[in-house]
């Protein structure tokens, strides 16, 4: 990378000091700028994909239940589901049914 900077440092387009004396860019300068922008774009894209992959690896809510970065501890929802037995599911269902019944009775019309 340092070699590229050293070789092409003389070809970098400099800002125009006097607009009246500016005759335009040469085709070589335009091609160089387009190539430089394309290289920067590719580096930015690669950096973005690398950061996205890091986020995917550290996601605690991953559907496969694995966290690669944290030593394969498993995802939080999978741990909760695996840690419950049938009694816990029954108690959660009864609790949810009771709460739903209270909410529906609040909206139910009262008989006279």
N, C-alpha and C. Protein backbone atom coordinates (compact mmCIF):
# COMPACT_ATOMS: atom_id res chain seq x y z
N UNK A 1 0.82 -1.19 0.00
CA UNK A 1 0.00 0.00 0.00
C UNK A 1 0.87 1.25 0.00
N UNK A 2 1.96 1.19 0.78
CA UNK A 2 2.87 2.33 0.83
C UNK A 2 3.51 2.56 -0.53
N UNK A 3 3.77 1.46 -1.24
CA UNK A 3 4.36 1.56 -2.56
C UNK A 3 3.41 2.26 -3.53
N UNK A 4 2.12 1.94 -3.42
CA UNK A 4 1.12 2.57 -4.29
C UNK A 4 1.07 4.07 -4.02
N UNK A 5 1.11 4.45 -2.75
CA UNK A 5 1.09 5.87 -2.41
C UNK A 5 2.33 6.57 -2.96
N UNK A 6 3.48 5.91 -2.85
CA UNK A 6 4.72 6.53 -3.29
C UNK A 6 4.76 6.69 -4.81
N UNK A 7 4.28 5.69 -5.53
CA UNK A 7 4.33 5.74 -6.99
C UNK A 7 3.35 6.77 -7.53
N UNK A 8 2.15 6.81 -6.96
CA UNK A 8 1.11 7.65 -7.52
C UNK A 8 0.96 9.00 -6.84
N UNK A 9 1.89 9.36 -5.96
CA UNK A 9 1.75 10.62 -5.24
C UNK A 9 1.87 11.82 -6.17
N UNK A 10 2.58 11.68 -7.29
CA UNK A 10 2.72 12.81 -8.21
C UNK A 10 1.49 12.96 -9.11
N UNK A 11 0.63 11.93 -9.20
CA UNK A 11 -0.52 11.98 -10.08
C UNK A 11 -1.80 12.45 -9.37
N UNK A 12 -1.75 12.69 -8.09
CA UNK A 12 -2.95 13.10 -7.35
C UNK A 12 -3.40 14.46 -7.86
N UNK A 13 -4.70 14.57 -8.15
CA UNK A 13 -5.24 15.82 -8.66
C UNK A 13 -5.33 16.82 -7.53
N UNK A 14 -4.74 17.96 -7.76
CA UNK A 14 -4.73 19.00 -6.74
C UNK A 14 -5.87 19.99 -7.01
N UNK A 15 -6.39 20.63 -5.94
CA UNK A 15 -7.46 21.60 -6.16
C UNK A 15 -6.99 22.78 -7.01
N UNK A 16 -7.91 23.36 -7.71
CA UNK A 16 -7.60 24.46 -8.61
C UNK A 16 -7.50 25.75 -7.80
N UNK A 17 -6.36 26.46 -7.95
CA UNK A 17 -6.19 27.71 -7.22
C UNK A 17 -6.92 28.85 -7.92
N UNK A 18 -6.79 28.96 -9.22
CA UNK A 18 -7.42 30.04 -9.96
C UNK A 18 -8.35 29.44 -11.00
N UNK A 19 -9.67 29.57 -10.83
CA UNK A 19 -10.60 28.96 -11.78
C UNK A 19 -10.48 29.51 -13.19
N UNK A 20 -10.00 30.73 -13.34
CA UNK A 20 -9.89 31.31 -14.68
C UNK A 20 -8.75 30.68 -15.47
N UNK A 21 -7.75 30.16 -14.80
CA UNK A 21 -6.59 29.56 -15.47
C UNK A 21 -6.73 28.05 -15.64
N UNK A 22 -7.81 27.48 -15.16
CA UNK A 22 -7.99 26.03 -15.20
C UNK A 22 -8.43 25.60 -16.59
N UNK A 23 -7.68 24.67 -17.19
CA UNK A 23 -7.98 24.19 -18.54
C UNK A 23 -8.69 22.84 -18.52
N UNK A 24 -8.89 22.27 -17.34
CA UNK A 24 -9.55 20.96 -17.24
C UNK A 24 -8.56 19.88 -16.89
N UNK A 25 -9.10 18.72 -16.59
CA UNK A 25 -8.28 17.57 -16.24
C UNK A 25 -7.96 16.78 -17.50
N UNK A 26 -6.81 16.13 -17.47
CA UNK A 26 -6.47 15.25 -18.59
C UNK A 26 -7.20 13.92 -18.40
N UNK A 27 -7.29 13.15 -19.46
CA UNK A 27 -7.94 11.84 -19.36
C UNK A 27 -7.20 10.92 -18.40
N UNK A 28 -5.89 11.05 -18.36
CA UNK A 28 -5.10 10.24 -17.44
C UNK A 28 -5.43 10.58 -15.98
N UNK A 29 -5.59 11.87 -15.68
CA UNK A 29 -5.94 12.28 -14.32
C UNK A 29 -7.34 11.78 -13.93
N UNK A 30 -8.26 11.84 -14.86
CA UNK A 30 -9.63 11.37 -14.59
C UNK A 30 -9.64 9.87 -14.37
N UNK A 31 -8.91 9.14 -15.20
CA UNK A 31 -8.83 7.68 -15.02
C UNK A 31 -8.22 7.33 -13.67
N UNK A 32 -7.19 8.05 -13.30
CA UNK A 32 -6.53 7.79 -12.02
C UNK A 32 -7.50 8.04 -10.87
N UNK A 33 -8.23 9.14 -10.91
CA UNK A 33 -9.19 9.44 -9.85
C UNK A 33 -10.30 8.39 -9.77
N UNK A 34 -10.79 7.93 -10.91
CA UNK A 34 -11.82 6.89 -10.92
C UNK A 34 -11.29 5.59 -10.33
N UNK A 35 -10.06 5.24 -10.67
CA UNK A 35 -9.47 4.01 -10.12
C UNK A 35 -9.26 4.14 -8.61
N UNK A 36 -8.83 5.31 -8.17
CA UNK A 36 -8.61 5.55 -6.74
C UNK A 36 -9.93 5.45 -5.97
N UNK A 37 -10.98 6.02 -6.52
CA UNK A 37 -12.29 5.95 -5.87
C UNK A 37 -12.80 4.51 -5.84
N UNK A 38 -12.57 3.75 -6.91
CA UNK A 38 -13.00 2.34 -6.94
C UNK A 38 -12.27 1.52 -5.87
N UNK A 39 -10.99 1.78 -5.69
CA UNK A 39 -10.22 1.07 -4.67
C UNK A 39 -10.72 1.43 -3.27
N UNK A 40 -10.97 2.70 -3.03
CA UNK A 40 -11.50 3.12 -1.73
C UNK A 40 -12.86 2.49 -1.47
N UNK A 41 -13.67 2.42 -2.50
CA UNK A 41 -15.00 1.81 -2.37
C UNK A 41 -14.90 0.33 -2.00
N UNK A 42 -13.99 -0.39 -2.63
CA UNK A 42 -13.80 -1.80 -2.32
C UNK A 42 -13.28 -2.00 -0.90
N UNK A 43 -12.35 -1.15 -0.46
CA UNK A 43 -11.85 -1.25 0.91
C UNK A 43 -12.97 -0.98 1.91
N UNK A 44 -13.79 0.02 1.63
CA UNK A 44 -14.91 0.34 2.53
C UNK A 44 -15.90 -0.81 2.59
N UNK A 45 -16.17 -1.41 1.44
CA UNK A 45 -17.11 -2.53 1.39
C UNK A 45 -16.57 -3.73 2.18
N UNK A 46 -15.29 -4.00 2.02
CA UNK A 46 -14.68 -5.12 2.75
C UNK A 46 -14.71 -4.86 4.25
N UNK A 47 -14.44 -3.63 4.66
CA UNK A 47 -14.46 -3.28 6.08
C UNK A 47 -15.88 -3.42 6.64
N UNK A 48 -16.88 -2.99 5.88
CA UNK A 48 -18.27 -3.10 6.31
C UNK A 48 -18.69 -4.55 6.47
N UNK A 49 -18.33 -5.41 5.52
CA UNK A 49 -18.68 -6.83 5.62
C UNK A 49 -17.96 -7.50 6.78
N UNK A 50 -16.74 -7.07 7.06
CA UNK A 50 -16.01 -7.63 8.20
C UNK A 50 -16.70 -7.25 9.52
N UNK A 51 -17.13 -6.00 9.64
CA UNK A 51 -17.84 -5.57 10.84
C UNK A 51 -19.18 -6.29 10.96
N UNK A 52 -19.86 -6.53 9.86
CA UNK A 52 -21.12 -7.25 9.87
C UNK A 52 -20.93 -8.69 10.34
N UNK A 53 -19.86 -9.31 9.91
CA UNK A 53 -19.57 -10.68 10.34
C UNK A 53 -19.28 -10.75 11.84
N UNK A 54 -18.58 -9.74 12.36
CA UNK A 54 -18.32 -9.68 13.80
C UNK A 54 -19.64 -9.56 14.56
N UNK A 55 -20.56 -8.74 14.06
CA UNK A 55 -21.86 -8.62 14.70
C UNK A 55 -22.64 -9.93 14.67
N UNK A 56 -22.57 -10.63 13.57
CA UNK A 56 -23.26 -11.92 13.47
C UNK A 56 -22.70 -12.93 14.46
N UNK A 57 -21.39 -12.93 14.65
CA UNK A 57 -20.77 -13.89 15.56
C UNK A 57 -21.11 -13.59 17.01
N UNK A 58 -21.34 -12.33 17.35
CA UNK A 58 -21.60 -11.95 18.74
C UNK A 58 -23.08 -11.82 19.05
N UNK A 59 -23.95 -12.22 18.17
CA UNK A 59 -25.38 -12.07 18.37
C UNK A 59 -25.89 -13.10 19.38
N UNK A 60 -26.38 -12.66 20.55
CA UNK A 60 -26.86 -13.63 21.54
C UNK A 60 -28.21 -14.24 21.18
N UNK A 61 -28.93 -13.65 20.22
CA UNK A 61 -30.23 -14.17 19.82
C UNK A 61 -30.15 -14.94 18.51
N UNK A 62 -28.99 -15.52 18.21
CA UNK A 62 -28.82 -16.29 16.99
C UNK A 62 -29.73 -17.51 17.00
N UNK A 63 -30.36 -17.84 15.87
CA UNK A 63 -31.29 -18.98 15.85
C UNK A 63 -30.62 -20.33 16.06
N UNK A 64 -29.34 -20.44 15.73
CA UNK A 64 -28.67 -21.74 15.90
C UNK A 64 -28.20 -21.96 17.33
N UNK A 65 -28.30 -20.95 18.17
CA UNK A 65 -27.97 -21.12 19.59
C UNK A 65 -26.49 -21.13 19.89
N UNK A 66 -25.69 -20.55 19.03
CA UNK A 66 -24.26 -20.55 19.29
C UNK A 66 -23.71 -19.14 19.20
N UNK A 67 -22.78 -18.84 20.07
CA UNK A 67 -22.05 -17.58 20.01
C UNK A 67 -20.59 -17.96 19.82
N UNK A 68 -20.07 -17.68 18.66
CA UNK A 68 -18.70 -18.07 18.37
C UNK A 68 -17.70 -17.26 19.18
N UNK A 69 -17.95 -15.97 19.35
CA UNK A 69 -16.99 -15.10 20.01
C UNK A 69 -16.95 -15.31 21.52
N UNK A 70 -18.03 -15.77 22.12
CA UNK A 70 -18.08 -15.90 23.58
C UNK A 70 -17.88 -17.34 24.04
N UNK A 71 -17.24 -18.14 23.29
CA UNK A 71 -16.93 -19.50 23.70
C UNK A 71 -18.10 -20.46 23.62
N UNK A 72 -18.96 -20.27 22.66
CA UNK A 72 -20.09 -21.16 22.40
C UNK A 72 -20.97 -21.36 23.64
N UNK A 73 -21.41 -20.26 24.21
CA UNK A 73 -22.28 -20.34 25.37
C UNK A 73 -23.72 -20.62 25.01
N UNK A 74 -24.11 -20.36 23.78
CA UNK A 74 -25.49 -20.56 23.36
C UNK A 74 -26.27 -19.28 23.47
N UNK A 75 -27.35 -19.21 22.73
CA UNK A 75 -28.13 -17.98 22.75
C UNK A 75 -29.04 -17.95 23.97
N UNK A 76 -29.45 -16.80 24.34
CA UNK A 76 -30.27 -16.61 25.54
C UNK A 76 -31.62 -17.32 25.42
N UNK A 77 -32.38 -17.17 24.32
CA UNK A 77 -33.67 -17.87 24.24
C UNK A 77 -33.54 -19.39 24.27
N UNK A 78 -32.53 -19.91 23.62
CA UNK A 78 -32.34 -21.36 23.60
C UNK A 78 -32.01 -21.87 24.99
N UNK A 79 -31.21 -21.12 25.73
CA UNK A 79 -30.88 -21.51 27.11
C UNK A 79 -32.13 -21.53 27.98
N UNK A 80 -32.99 -20.52 27.81
CA UNK A 80 -34.20 -20.46 28.62
C UNK A 80 -35.12 -21.62 28.29
N UNK A 81 -35.32 -21.90 27.02
CA UNK A 81 -36.23 -22.98 26.61
C UNK A 81 -35.69 -24.34 27.06
N UNK A 82 -34.39 -24.55 26.91
CA UNK A 82 -33.81 -25.84 27.31
C UNK A 82 -33.81 -26.01 28.83
N UNK A 83 -33.78 -24.91 29.57
CA UNK A 83 -33.70 -24.99 31.02
C UNK A 83 -35.04 -25.22 31.70
N UNK A 84 -36.14 -25.17 30.96
CA UNK A 84 -37.46 -25.34 31.56
C UNK A 84 -37.94 -26.77 31.41
N UNK A 85 -38.71 -27.24 32.41
CA UNK A 85 -39.31 -28.56 32.30
C UNK A 85 -40.81 -28.40 32.09
N UNK A 86 -41.56 -29.51 32.06
CA UNK A 86 -42.99 -29.47 31.76
C UNK A 86 -43.77 -28.69 32.82
N UNK A 87 -43.38 -28.80 34.05
CA UNK A 87 -44.08 -28.07 35.11
C UNK A 87 -43.97 -26.56 34.91
N UNK A 88 -42.80 -26.11 34.49
CA UNK A 88 -42.63 -24.68 34.24
C UNK A 88 -43.53 -24.21 33.11
N UNK A 89 -43.63 -25.01 32.05
CA UNK A 89 -44.51 -24.64 30.94
C UNK A 89 -45.97 -24.58 31.39
N UNK A 90 -46.40 -25.53 32.21
CA UNK A 90 -47.78 -25.54 32.69
C UNK A 90 -48.05 -24.30 33.55
N UNK A 91 -47.15 -23.96 34.44
CA UNK A 91 -47.33 -22.78 35.28
C UNK A 91 -47.33 -21.49 34.46
N UNK A 92 -46.49 -21.41 33.45
CA UNK A 92 -46.50 -20.23 32.58
C UNK A 92 -47.81 -20.13 31.81
N UNK A 93 -48.35 -21.26 31.35
CA UNK A 93 -49.63 -21.26 30.64
C UNK A 93 -50.77 -20.82 31.53
N UNK A 94 -50.82 -21.31 32.75
CA UNK A 94 -51.88 -20.93 33.69
C UNK A 94 -51.78 -19.44 33.99
N UNK A 95 -50.59 -18.95 34.19
CA UNK A 95 -50.39 -17.53 34.48
C UNK A 95 -50.82 -16.67 33.29
N UNK A 96 -50.45 -17.06 32.08
CA UNK A 96 -50.84 -16.30 30.88
C UNK A 96 -52.35 -16.35 30.68
N UNK A 97 -52.98 -17.52 30.94
CA UNK A 97 -54.42 -17.63 30.80
C UNK A 97 -55.13 -16.71 31.78
N UNK A 98 -54.67 -16.65 33.01
CA UNK A 98 -55.28 -15.78 34.02
C UNK A 98 -55.17 -14.31 33.65
N UNK A 99 -54.01 -13.92 33.15
CA UNK A 99 -53.81 -12.53 32.73
C UNK A 99 -54.68 -12.19 31.53
N UNK A 100 -54.78 -13.10 30.58
CA UNK A 100 -55.62 -12.86 29.40
C UNK A 100 -57.09 -12.77 29.79
N UNK A 101 -57.52 -13.61 30.71
CA UNK A 101 -58.92 -13.58 31.15
C UNK A 101 -59.25 -12.24 31.80
N UNK A 102 -58.36 -11.69 32.61
CA UNK A 102 -58.59 -10.39 33.24
C UNK A 102 -58.68 -9.27 32.20
N UNK A 103 -57.81 -9.33 31.19
CA UNK A 103 -57.84 -8.30 30.15
C UNK A 103 -59.13 -8.38 29.36
N UNK A 104 -59.56 -9.59 28.96
CA UNK A 104 -60.78 -9.74 28.17
C UNK A 104 -62.02 -9.38 28.99
N UNK A 105 -62.02 -9.67 30.28
CA UNK A 105 -63.19 -9.32 31.10
C UNK A 105 -63.30 -7.81 31.26
N UNK A 106 -62.20 -7.10 31.16
CA UNK A 106 -62.25 -5.64 31.26
C UNK A 106 -62.98 -5.05 30.05
N UNK A 107 -62.78 -5.64 28.84
CA UNK A 107 -63.41 -5.12 27.64
C UNK A 107 -64.80 -5.72 27.38
N UNK A 108 -65.18 -6.70 28.12
CA UNK A 108 -66.45 -7.35 27.92
C UNK A 108 -67.58 -6.43 28.41
N UNK A 109 -68.69 -6.43 27.68
CA UNK A 109 -69.82 -5.59 28.07
C UNK A 109 -70.47 -6.17 29.31
N UNK A 110 -70.84 -5.27 30.20
CA UNK A 110 -71.50 -5.71 31.43
C UNK A 110 -72.99 -5.88 31.16
N UNK A 111 -73.55 -6.97 31.71
CA UNK A 111 -74.99 -7.21 31.56
C UNK A 111 -75.72 -6.47 32.64
N UNK A 112 -76.93 -6.00 32.31
CA UNK A 112 -77.74 -5.27 33.28
C UNK A 112 -78.64 -6.15 34.05
